[in-house]
PDB file of N, CA and C in Angstrom:
ATOM      1  N   MET A   1      94.596  68.371 108.458  1.00  0.00           N
ATOM      2  CA  MET A   1      95.634  68.343 109.473  1.00  0.00           C
ATOM      3  C   MET A   1      96.586  69.541 109.317  1.00  0.00           C
ATOM      4  N   ILE A   2      97.037  69.770 108.090  1.00  0.00           N
ATOM      5  CA  ILE A   2      97.957  70.882 107.849  1.00  0.00           C
ATOM      6  C   ILE A   2      97.254  72.210 108.083  1.00  0.00           C
ATOM      7  N   GLN A   3      95.990  72.309 107.659  1.00  0.00           N
ATOM      8  CA  GLN A   3      95.279  73.571 107.787  1.00  0.00           C
ATOM      9  C   GLN A   3      95.006  73.928 109.238  1.00  0.00           C
ATOM     10  N   SER A   4      94.748  72.932 110.090  1.00  0.00           N
ATOM     11  CA  SER A   4      94.524  73.241 111.503  1.00  0.00           C
ATOM     12  C   SER A   4      95.815  73.725 112.164  1.00  0.00           C
ATOM     13  N   LYS A   5      96.950  73.197 111.750  1.00  0.00           N
ATOM     14  CA  LYS A   5      98.234  73.674 112.275  1.00  0.00           C
ATOM     15  C   LYS A   5      98.587  75.036 111.698  1.00  0.00           C
ATOM     16  N   LEU A   6      98.174  75.274 110.457  1.00  0.00           N
ATOM     17  CA  LEU A   6      98.444  76.551 109.811  1.00  0.00           C
ATOM     18  C   LEU A   6      97.672  77.682 110.473  1.00  0.00           C
ATOM     19  N   LEU A   7      96.480  77.389 110.982  1.00  0.00           N
ATOM     20  CA  LEU A   7      95.690  78.406 111.673  1.00  0.00           C
ATOM     21  C   LEU A   7      96.402  78.931 112.911  1.00  0.00           C
ATOM     22  N   LYS A   8      97.114  78.067 113.595  1.00  0.00           N
ATOM     23  CA  LYS A   8      97.784  78.449 114.831  1.00  0.00           C
ATOM     24  C   LYS A   8      99.249  78.814 114.632  1.00  0.00           C
ATOM     25  N   ALA A   9      99.732  78.710 113.407  1.00  0.00           N
ATOM     26  CA  ALA A   9     101.148  78.948 113.143  1.00  0.00           C
ATOM     27  C   ALA A   9     101.491  80.429 113.178  1.00  0.00           C
ATOM     28  N   ASP A  10     102.727  80.691 113.503  1.00  0.00           N
ATOM     29  CA  ASP A  10     103.275  82.041 113.433  1.00  0.00           C
ATOM     30  C   ASP A  10     103.765  82.243 112.006  1.00  0.00           C
ATOM     31  N   LEU A  11     103.232  83.219 111.312  1.00  0.00           N
ATOM     32  CA  LEU A  11     103.525  83.395 109.892  1.00  0.00           C
ATOM     33  C   LEU A  11     104.685  84.337 109.609  1.00  0.00           C
ATOM     34  N   HIS A  12     105.391  84.807 110.626  1.00  0.00           N
ATOM     35  CA  HIS A  12     106.535  85.689 110.395  1.00  0.00           C
ATOM     36  C   HIS A  12     107.598  84.933 109.598  1.00  0.00           C
ATOM     37  N   GLY A  13     108.016  85.512 108.483  1.00  0.00           N
ATOM     38  CA  GLY A  13     109.026  84.880 107.643  1.00  0.00           C
ATOM     39  C   GLY A  13     108.449  84.017 106.543  1.00  0.00           C
ATOM     40  N   ALA A  14     107.126  83.863 106.490  1.00  0.00           N
ATOM     41  CA  ALA A  14     106.502  83.052 105.450  1.00  0.00           C
ATOM     42  C   ALA A  14     106.386  83.862 104.158  1.00  0.00           C
ATOM     43  N   ILE A  15     106.489  83.173 103.034  1.00  0.00           N
ATOM     44  CA  ILE A  15     106.327  83.822 101.735  1.00  0.00           C
ATOM     45  C   ILE A  15     104.868  83.694 101.329  1.00  0.00           C
ATOM     46  N   VAL A  16     104.205  84.831 101.156  1.00  0.00           N
ATOM     47  CA  VAL A  16     102.787  84.846 100.818  1.00  0.00           C
ATOM     48  C   VAL A  16     102.548  85.665  99.558  1.00  0.00           C
ATOM     49  N   THR A  17     101.409  85.404  98.922  1.00  0.00           N
ATOM     50  CA  THR A  17     100.979  86.146  97.745  1.00  0.00           C
ATOM     51  C   THR A  17      99.524  86.542  97.948  1.00  0.00           C
ATOM     52  N   VAL A  18      99.197  87.764  97.591  1.00  0.00           N
ATOM     53  CA  VAL A  18      97.801  88.202  97.634  1.00  0.00           C
ATOM     54  C   VAL A  18      97.146  87.701  96.354  1.00  0.00           C
ATOM     55  N   THR A  19      96.176  86.783  96.478  1.00  0.00           N
ATOM     56  CA  THR A  19      95.558  86.195  95.299  1.00  0.00           C
ATOM     57  C   THR A  19      94.252  86.866  94.919  1.00  0.00           C
ATOM     58  N   LYS A  20      93.473  87.285  95.904  1.00  0.00           N
ATOM     59  CA  LYS A  20      92.207  87.973  95.633  1.00  0.00           C
ATOM     60  C   LYS A  20      92.086  89.155  96.572  1.00  0.00           C
ATOM     61  N   SER A  21      91.473  90.210  96.075  1.00  0.00           N
ATOM     62  CA  SER A  21      91.287  91.390  96.894  1.00  0.00           C
ATOM     63  C   SER A  21      90.183  92.252  96.295  1.00  0.00           C
ATOM     64  N   LYS A  22      89.495  92.992  97.157  1.00  0.00           N
ATOM     65  CA  LYS A  22      88.520  93.959  96.649  1.00  0.00           C
ATOM     66  C   LYS A  22      89.231  95.153  96.032  1.00  0.00           C
ATOM     67  N   CYS A  23      90.449  95.412  96.464  1.00  0.00           N
ATOM     68  CA  CYS A  23      91.265  96.488  95.892  1.00  0.00           C
ATOM     69  C   CYS A  23      92.249  95.852  94.894  1.00  0.00           C
ATOM     70  N   PRO A  24      92.092  96.113  93.603  1.00  0.00           N
ATOM     71  CA  PRO A  24      92.933  95.437  92.603  1.00  0.00           C
ATOM     72  C   PRO A  24      94.422  95.742  92.700  1.00  0.00           C
ATOM     73  N   SER A  25      94.800  96.821  93.370  1.00  0.00           N
ATOM     74  CA  SER A  25      96.228  97.141  93.464  1.00  0.00           C
ATOM     75  C   SER A  25      96.978  96.195  94.405  1.00  0.00           C
ATOM     76  N   TYR A  26      96.265  95.462  95.284  1.00  0.00           N
ATOM     77  CA  TYR A  26      96.918  94.511  96.183  1.00  0.00           C
ATOM     78  C   TYR A  26      97.169  93.154  95.530  1.00  0.00           C
ATOM     79  N   VAL A  27      96.408  92.816  94.512  1.00  0.00           N
ATOM     80  CA  VAL A  27      96.512  91.494  93.890  1.00  0.00           C
ATOM     81  C   VAL A  27      97.884  91.332  93.250  1.00  0.00           C
ATOM     82  N   GLY A  28      98.541  90.223  93.555  1.00  0.00           N
ATOM     83  CA  GLY A  28      99.848  89.929  92.978  1.00  0.00           C
ATOM     84  C   GLY A  28     101.023  90.313  93.848  1.00  0.00           C
ATOM     85  N   ILE A  29     100.789  90.978  94.972  1.00  0.00           N
ATOM     86  CA  ILE A  29     101.902  91.322  95.860  1.00  0.00           C
ATOM     87  C   ILE A  29     102.444  90.039  96.483  1.00  0.00           C
ATOM     88  N   THR A  30     103.709  89.787  96.280  1.00  0.00           N
ATOM     89  CA  THR A  30     104.366  88.599  96.818  1.00  0.00           C
ATOM     90  C   THR A  30     105.559  89.042  97.645  1.00  0.00           C
ATOM     91  N   GLY A  31     105.718  88.401  98.793  1.00  0.00           N
ATOM     92  CA  GLY A  31     106.862  88.732  99.625  1.00  0.00           C
ATOM     93  C   GLY A  31     106.864  87.977 100.929  1.00  0.00           C
ATOM     94  N   ILE A  32     107.763  88.381 101.788  1.00  0.00           N
ATOM     95  CA  ILE A  32     107.945  87.741 103.092  1.00  0.00           C
ATOM     96  C   ILE A  32     107.233  88.573 104.145  1.00  0.00           C
ATOM     97  N   ILE A  33     106.477  87.895 105.011  1.00  0.00           N
ATOM     98  CA  ILE A  33     105.784  88.604 106.090  1.00  0.00           C
ATOM     99  C   ILE A  33     106.824  89.053 107.109  1.00  0.00           C
ATOM    100  N   LEU A  34     106.921  90.358 107.265  1.00  0.00           N
ATOM    101  CA  LEU A  34     107.887  90.939 108.182  1.00  0.00           C
ATOM    102  C   LEU A  34     107.271  91.114 109.559  1.00  0.00           C
ATOM    103  N   GLN A  35     106.057  91.664 109.592  1.00  0.00           N
ATOM    104  CA  GLN A  35     105.329  91.850 110.841  1.00  0.00           C
ATOM    105  C   GLN A  35     103.869  91.511 110.610  1.00  0.00           C
ATOM    106  N   GLU A  36     103.224  91.031 111.662  1.00  0.00           N
ATOM    107  CA  GLU A  36     101.803  90.734 111.600  1.00  0.00           C
ATOM    108  C   GLU A  36     101.111  91.463 112.735  1.00  0.00           C
ATOM    109  N   PHE A  37     100.112  92.236 112.387  1.00  0.00           N
ATOM    110  CA  PHE A  37      99.307  92.926 113.372  1.00  0.00           C
ATOM    111  C   PHE A  37      97.893  92.369 113.314  1.00  0.00           C
ATOM    112  N   LYS A  38      97.009  92.926 114.135  1.00  0.00           N
ATOM    113  CA  LYS A  38      95.650  92.422 114.178  1.00  0.00           C
ATOM    114  C   LYS A  38      94.940  92.587 112.846  1.00  0.00           C
ATOM    115  N   HIS A  39      95.147  93.705 112.171  1.00  0.00           N
ATOM    116  CA  HIS A  39      94.409  93.985 110.943  1.00  0.00           C
ATOM    117  C   HIS A  39      95.258  94.037 109.684  1.00  0.00           C
ATOM    118  N   VAL A  40      96.581  93.987 109.789  1.00  0.00           N
ATOM    119  CA  VAL A  40      97.443  94.111 108.604  1.00  0.00           C
ATOM    120  C   VAL A  40      98.639  93.161 108.661  1.00  0.00           C
ATOM    121  N   PHE A  41      99.154  92.861 107.465  1.00  0.00           N
ATOM    122  CA  PHE A  41     100.450  92.215 107.309  1.00  0.00           C
ATOM    123  C   PHE A  41     101.402  93.263 106.759  1.00  0.00           C
ATOM    124  N   LYS A  42     102.626  93.306 107.259  1.00  0.00           N
ATOM    125  CA  LYS A  42     103.674  94.105 106.634  1.00  0.00           C
ATOM    126  C   LYS A  42     104.535  93.122 105.855  1.00  0.00           C
ATOM    127  N   ILE A  43     104.550  93.312 104.535  1.00  0.00           N
ATOM    128  CA  ILE A  43     105.223  92.384 103.627  1.00  0.00           C
ATOM    129  C   ILE A  43     106.361  93.112 102.933  1.00  0.00           C
ATOM    130  N   ILE A  44     107.534  92.474 102.896  1.00  0.00           N
ATOM    131  CA  ILE A  44     108.670  93.038 102.170  1.00  0.00           C
ATOM    132  C   ILE A  44     108.797  92.275 100.849  1.00  0.00           C
ATOM    133  N   THR A  45     108.858  93.018  99.747  1.00  0.00           N
ATOM    134  CA  THR A  45     108.866  92.420  98.413  1.00  0.00           C
ATOM    135  C   THR A  45     110.295  92.184  97.926  1.00  0.00           C
ATOM    136  N   LYS A  46     110.408  91.598  96.743  1.00  0.00           N
ATOM    137  CA  LYS A  46     111.728  91.349  96.153  1.00  0.00           C
ATOM    138  C   LYS A  46     112.453  92.643  95.815  1.00  0.00           C
ATOM    139  N   GLU A  47     111.684  93.700  95.584  1.00  0.00           N
ATOM    140  CA  GLU A  47     112.280  95.004  95.260  1.00  0.00           C
ATOM    141  C   GLU A  47     112.664  95.768  96.519  1.00  0.00           C
ATOM    142  N   ASP A  48     112.669  95.120  97.674  1.00  0.00           N
ATOM    143  CA  ASP A  48     112.989  95.721  98.973  1.00  0.00           C
ATOM    144  C   ASP A  48     112.057  96.878  99.330  1.00  0.00           C
ATOM    145  N   LYS A  49     110.796  96.727  98.981  1.00  0.00           N
ATOM    146  CA  LYS A  49     109.791  97.714  99.353  1.00  0.00           C
ATOM    147  C   LYS A  49     108.882  97.112 100.416  1.00  0.00           C
ATOM    148  N   LEU A  50     108.541  97.917 101.398  1.00  0.00           N
ATOM    149  CA  LEU A  50     107.666  97.471 102.468  1.00  0.00           C
ATOM    150  C   LEU A  50     106.230  97.820 102.101  1.00  0.00           C
ATOM    151  N   LYS A  51     105.384  96.804 102.015  1.00  0.00           N
ATOM    152  CA  LYS A  51     103.971  96.998 101.682  1.00  0.00           C
ATOM    153  C   LYS A  51     103.138  96.649 102.910  1.00  0.00           C
ATOM    154  N   VAL A  52     102.177  97.491 103.212  1.00  0.00           N
ATOM    155  CA  VAL A  52     101.243  97.234 104.306  1.00  0.00           C
ATOM    156  C   VAL A  52      99.936  96.795 103.665  1.00  0.00           C
ATOM    157  N   VAL A  53      99.580  95.523 103.875  1.00  0.00           N
ATOM    158  CA  VAL A  53      98.400  94.942 103.238  1.00  0.00           C
ATOM    159  C   VAL A  53      97.386  94.587 104.321  1.00  0.00           C
ATOM    160  N   PRO A  54      96.173  95.137 104.238  1.00  0.00           N
ATOM    161  CA  PRO A  54      95.159  94.791 105.238  1.00  0.00           C
ATOM    162  C   PRO A  54      94.696  93.352 105.065  1.00  0.00           C
ATOM    163  N   LYS A  55      94.318  92.719 106.163  1.00  0.00           N
ATOM    164  CA  LYS A  55      93.813  91.354 106.104  1.00  0.00           C
ATOM    165  C   LYS A  55      92.370  91.321 105.615  1.00  0.00           C
ATOM    166  N   LEU A  56      91.596  92.336 105.978  1.00  0.00           N
ATOM    167  CA  LEU A  56      90.174  92.383 105.644  1.00  0.00           C
ATOM    168  C   LEU A  56      89.981  92.454 104.126  1.00  0.00           C
ATOM    169  N   ASN A  57      89.099  91.611 103.616  1.00  0.00           N
ATOM    170  CA  ASN A  57      88.737  91.554 102.191  1.00  0.00           C
ATOM    171  C   ASN A  57      89.878  91.132 101.276  1.00  0.00           C
ATOM    172  N   ASN A  58      90.849  90.401 101.804  1.00  0.00           N
ATOM    173  CA  ASN A  58      91.949  89.867 100.996  1.00  0.00           C
ATOM    174  C   ASN A  58      92.068  88.370 101.214  1.00  0.00           C
ATOM    175  N   VAL A  59      92.521  87.670 100.174  1.00  0.00           N
ATOM    176  CA  VAL A  59      92.811  86.242 100.267  1.00  0.00           C
ATOM    177  C   VAL A  59      94.287  86.074  99.946  1.00  0.00           C
ATOM    178  N   PHE A  60      94.994  85.384 100.840  1.00  0.00           N
ATOM    179  CA  PHE A  60      96.432  85.173 100.694  1.00  0.00           C
ATOM    180  C   PHE A  60      96.686  83.707 100.389  1.00  0.00           C
ATOM    181  N   SER A  61      97.695  83.427  99.568  1.00  0.00           N
ATOM    182  CA  SER A  61      98.085  82.044  99.315  1.00  0.00           C
ATOM    183  C   SER A  61      99.466  81.811  99.912  1.00  0.00           C
ATOM    184  N   LEU A  62      99.628  80.595 100.428  1.00  0.00           N
ATOM    185  CA  LEU A  62     100.853  80.221 101.117  1.00  0.00           C
ATOM    186  C   LEU A  62     101.199  78.806 100.692  1.00  0.00           C
ATOM    187  N   GLU A  63     102.422  78.590 100.208  1.00  0.00           N
ATOM    188  CA  GLU A  63     102.830  77.257  99.789  1.00  0.00           C
ATOM    189  C   GLU A  63     103.580  76.580 100.927  1.00  0.00           C
ATOM    190  N   LEU A  64     103.150  75.354 101.230  1.00  0.00           N
ATOM    191  CA  LEU A  64     103.746  74.603 102.327  1.00  0.00           C
ATOM    192  C   LEU A  64     103.893  73.149 101.910  1.00  0.00           C
ATOM    193  N   ASP A  65     105.120  72.686 101.761  1.00  0.00           N
ATOM    194  CA  ASP A  65     105.418  71.308 101.349  1.00  0.00           C
ATOM    195  C   ASP A  65     104.734  70.924 100.041  1.00  0.00           C
ATOM    196  N   GLY A  66     104.695  71.840  99.088  1.00  0.00           N
ATOM    197  CA  GLY A  66     104.085  71.548  97.802  1.00  0.00           C
ATOM    198  C   GLY A  66     102.583  71.770  97.747  1.00  0.00           C
ATOM    199  N   PHE A  67     101.949  72.030  98.876  1.00  0.00           N
ATOM    200  CA  PHE A  67     100.516  72.299  98.932  1.00  0.00           C
ATOM    201  C   PHE A  67     100.298  73.799  99.013  1.00  0.00           C
ATOM    202  N   ILE A  68      99.332  74.285  98.265  1.00  0.00           N
ATOM    203  CA  ILE A  68      98.988  75.701  98.325  1.00  0.00           C
ATOM    204  C   ILE A  68      97.767  75.858  99.212  1.00  0.00           C
ATOM    205  N   SER A  69      97.918  76.636 100.263  1.00  0.00           N
ATOM    206  CA  SER A  69      96.816  76.905 101.184  1.00  0.00           C
ATOM    207  C   SER A  69      96.385  78.352 101.009  1.00  0.00           C
ATOM    208  N   TYR A  70      95.091  78.571 101.127  1.00  0.00           N
ATOM    209  CA  TYR A  70      94.545  79.917 101.010  1.00  0.00           C
ATOM    210  C   TYR A  70      94.107  80.395 102.381  1.00  0.00           C
ATOM    211  N   ILE A  71      94.495  81.608 102.708  1.00  0.00           N
ATOM    212  CA  ILE A  71      94.153  82.214 103.994  1.00  0.00           C
ATOM    213  C   ILE A  71      93.184  83.354 103.719  1.00  0.00           C
ATOM    214  N   TYR A  72      91.993  83.244 104.273  1.00  0.00           N
ATOM    215  CA  TYR A  72      91.013  84.322 104.160  1.00  0.00           C
ATOM    216  C   TYR A  72      91.300  85.315 105.270  1.00  0.00           C
ATOM    217  N   GLY A  73      91.750  86.495 104.895  1.00  0.00           N
ATOM    218  CA  GLY A  73      92.151  87.508 105.861  1.00  0.00           C
ATOM    219  C   GLY A  73      91.022  87.950 106.761  1.00  0.00           C
ATOM    220  N   SER A  74      89.782  87.926 106.263  1.00  0.00           N
ATOM    221  CA  SER A  74      88.632  88.334 107.075  1.00  0.00           C
ATOM    222  C   SER A  74      88.429  87.404 108.267  1.00  0.00           C
ATOM    223  N   LYS A  75      88.837  86.154 108.130  1.00  0.00           N
ATOM    224  CA  LYS A  75      88.699  85.172 109.218  1.00  0.00           C
ATOM    225  C   LYS A  75      89.960  85.083 110.065  1.00  0.00           C
ATOM    226  N   PHE A  76      90.958  85.885 109.744  1.00  0.00           N
ATOM    227  CA  PHE A  76      92.284  85.793 110.347  1.00  0.00           C
ATOM    228  C   PHE A  76      92.629  87.053 111.125  1.00  0.00           C
ATOM    229  N   LEU A  77      91.606  87.801 111.560  1.00  0.00           N
ATOM    230  CA  LEU A  77      91.821  89.097 112.198  1.00  0.00           C
ATOM    231  C   LEU A  77      92.187  88.953 113.673  1.00  0.00           C
ATOM    232  N   LEU A  78      93.304  88.349 113.938  1.00  0.00           N
ATOM    233  CA  LEU A  78      93.836  88.187 115.291  1.00  0.00           C
ATOM    234  C   LEU A  78      95.346  88.370 115.242  1.00  0.00           C
ATOM    235  N   ARG A  79      95.904  88.712 116.376  1.00  0.00           N
ATOM    236  CA  ARG A  79      97.367  88.730 116.477  1.00  0.00           C
ATOM    237  C   ARG A  79      97.862  87.285 116.521  1.00  0.00           C
ATOM    238  N   ALA A  80      99.116  87.086 116.196  1.00  0.00           N
ATOM    239  CA  ALA A  80      99.681  85.739 116.175  1.00  0.00           C
ATOM    240  C   ALA A  80      99.624  85.095 117.554  1.00  0.00           C
ATOM    241  N   SER A  81      99.868  85.857 118.592  1.00  0.00           N
ATOM    242  CA  SER A  81      99.851  85.298 119.947  1.00  0.00           C
ATOM    243  C   SER A  81      98.435  84.920 120.380  1.00  0.00           C
ATOM    244  N   GLU A  82      97.442  85.703 119.982  1.00  0.00           N
ATOM    245  CA  GLU A  82      96.059  85.383 120.315  1.00  0.00           C
ATOM    246  C   GLU A  82      95.552  84.194 119.514  1.00  0.00           C
ATOM    247  N   ARG A  83      96.010  84.095 118.263  1.00  0.00           N
ATOM    248  CA  ARG A  83      95.548  83.026 117.385  1.00  0.00           C
ATOM    249  C   ARG A  83      96.058  81.660 117.834  1.00  0.00           C
ATOM    250  N   SER A  84      97.243  81.607 118.410  1.00  0.00           N
ATOM    251  CA  SER A  84      97.810  80.320 118.821  1.00  0.00           C
ATOM    252  C   SER A  84      97.049  79.717 119.991  1.00  0.00           C
ATOM    253  N   ALA A  85      96.386  80.539 120.802  1.00  0.00           N
ATOM    254  CA  ALA A  85      95.652  80.030 121.963  1.00  0.00           C
ATOM    255  C   ALA A  85      94.165  79.826 121.679  1.00  0.00           C
ATOM    256  N   LYS A  86      93.670  80.310 120.549  1.00  0.00           N
ATOM    257  CA  LYS A  86      92.244  80.260 120.249  1.00  0.00           C
ATOM    258  C   LYS A  86      91.839  78.896 119.696  1.00  0.00           C
ATOM    259  N   LYS A  87      90.632  78.458 120.035  1.00  0.00           N
ATOM    260  CA  LYS A  87      90.063  77.254 119.454  1.00  0.00           C
ATOM    261  C   LYS A  87      89.145  77.681 118.311  1.00  0.00           C
ATOM    262  N   PHE A  88      89.397  77.157 117.136  1.00  0.00           N
ATOM    263  CA  PHE A  88      88.625  77.526 115.966  1.00  0.00           C
ATOM    264  C   PHE A  88      87.501  76.529 115.742  1.00  0.00           C
ATOM    265  N   LYS A  89      86.362  77.042 115.294  1.00  0.00           N
ATOM    266  CA  LYS A  89      85.227  76.192 114.942  1.00  0.00           C
ATOM    267  C   LYS A  89      85.187  76.060 113.429  1.00  0.00           C
ATOM    268  N   LEU A  90      84.789  74.887 112.961  1.00  0.00           N
ATOM    269  CA  LEU A  90      84.704  74.674 111.530  1.00  0.00           C
ATOM    270  C   LEU A  90      83.434  75.310 110.990  1.00  0.00           C
ATOM    271  N   LYS A  91      83.607  76.251 110.089  1.00  0.00           N
ATOM    272  CA  LYS A  91      82.496  76.928 109.447  1.00  0.00           C
ATOM    273  C   LYS A  91      82.825  77.085 107.975  1.00  0.00           C
ATOM    274  N   GLY A  92      81.815  77.082 107.148  1.00  0.00           N
ATOM    275  CA  GLY A  92      82.013  77.360 105.739  1.00  0.00           C
ATOM    276  C   GLY A  92      82.313  78.834 105.549  1.00  0.00           C
ATOM    277  N   THR A  93      83.065  79.153 104.528  1.00  0.00           N
ATOM    278  CA  THR A  93      83.404  80.558 104.290  1.00  0.00           C
ATOM    279  C   THR A  93      82.864  80.987 102.943  1.00  0.00           C
ATOM    280  N   ILE A  94      82.236  82.113 102.928  1.00  0.00           N
ATOM    281  CA  ILE A  94      81.819  82.754 101.690  1.00  0.00           C
ATOM    282  C   ILE A  94      82.348  84.178 101.772  1.00  0.00           C
ATOM    283  N   ASP A  95      83.434  84.421 101.090  1.00  0.00           N
ATOM    284  CA  ASP A  95      84.078  85.724 101.106  1.00  0.00           C
ATOM    285  C   ASP A  95      84.316  86.218  99.702  1.00  0.00           C
ATOM    286  N   LEU A  96      84.458  87.520  99.617  1.00  0.00           N
ATOM    287  CA  LEU A  96      84.760  88.207  98.360  1.00  0.00           C
ATOM    288  C   LEU A  96      83.709  87.903  97.363  1.00  0.00           C
TER     289      LEU A  96
END
């Protein structure tokens, strides 16, 4: 139930962490999503640095009401406005 609502949610202002990535320099970046584009998140960190993190080949974690949800960026390549109107099909994911 939470995950289906999370798919359609607007993530601006959410605190996310990059948990897995093909590029090791992205792993561990934590911050607030400032802007969301089709292929990237712009995240502002605690050090007030703006990081541009691609969605492709990255896994993001998001804590919501004590539950940790993982977002596979490869399956999330849509703008927030397009994602809210899209109907998602349940498929297994094998990424990274």
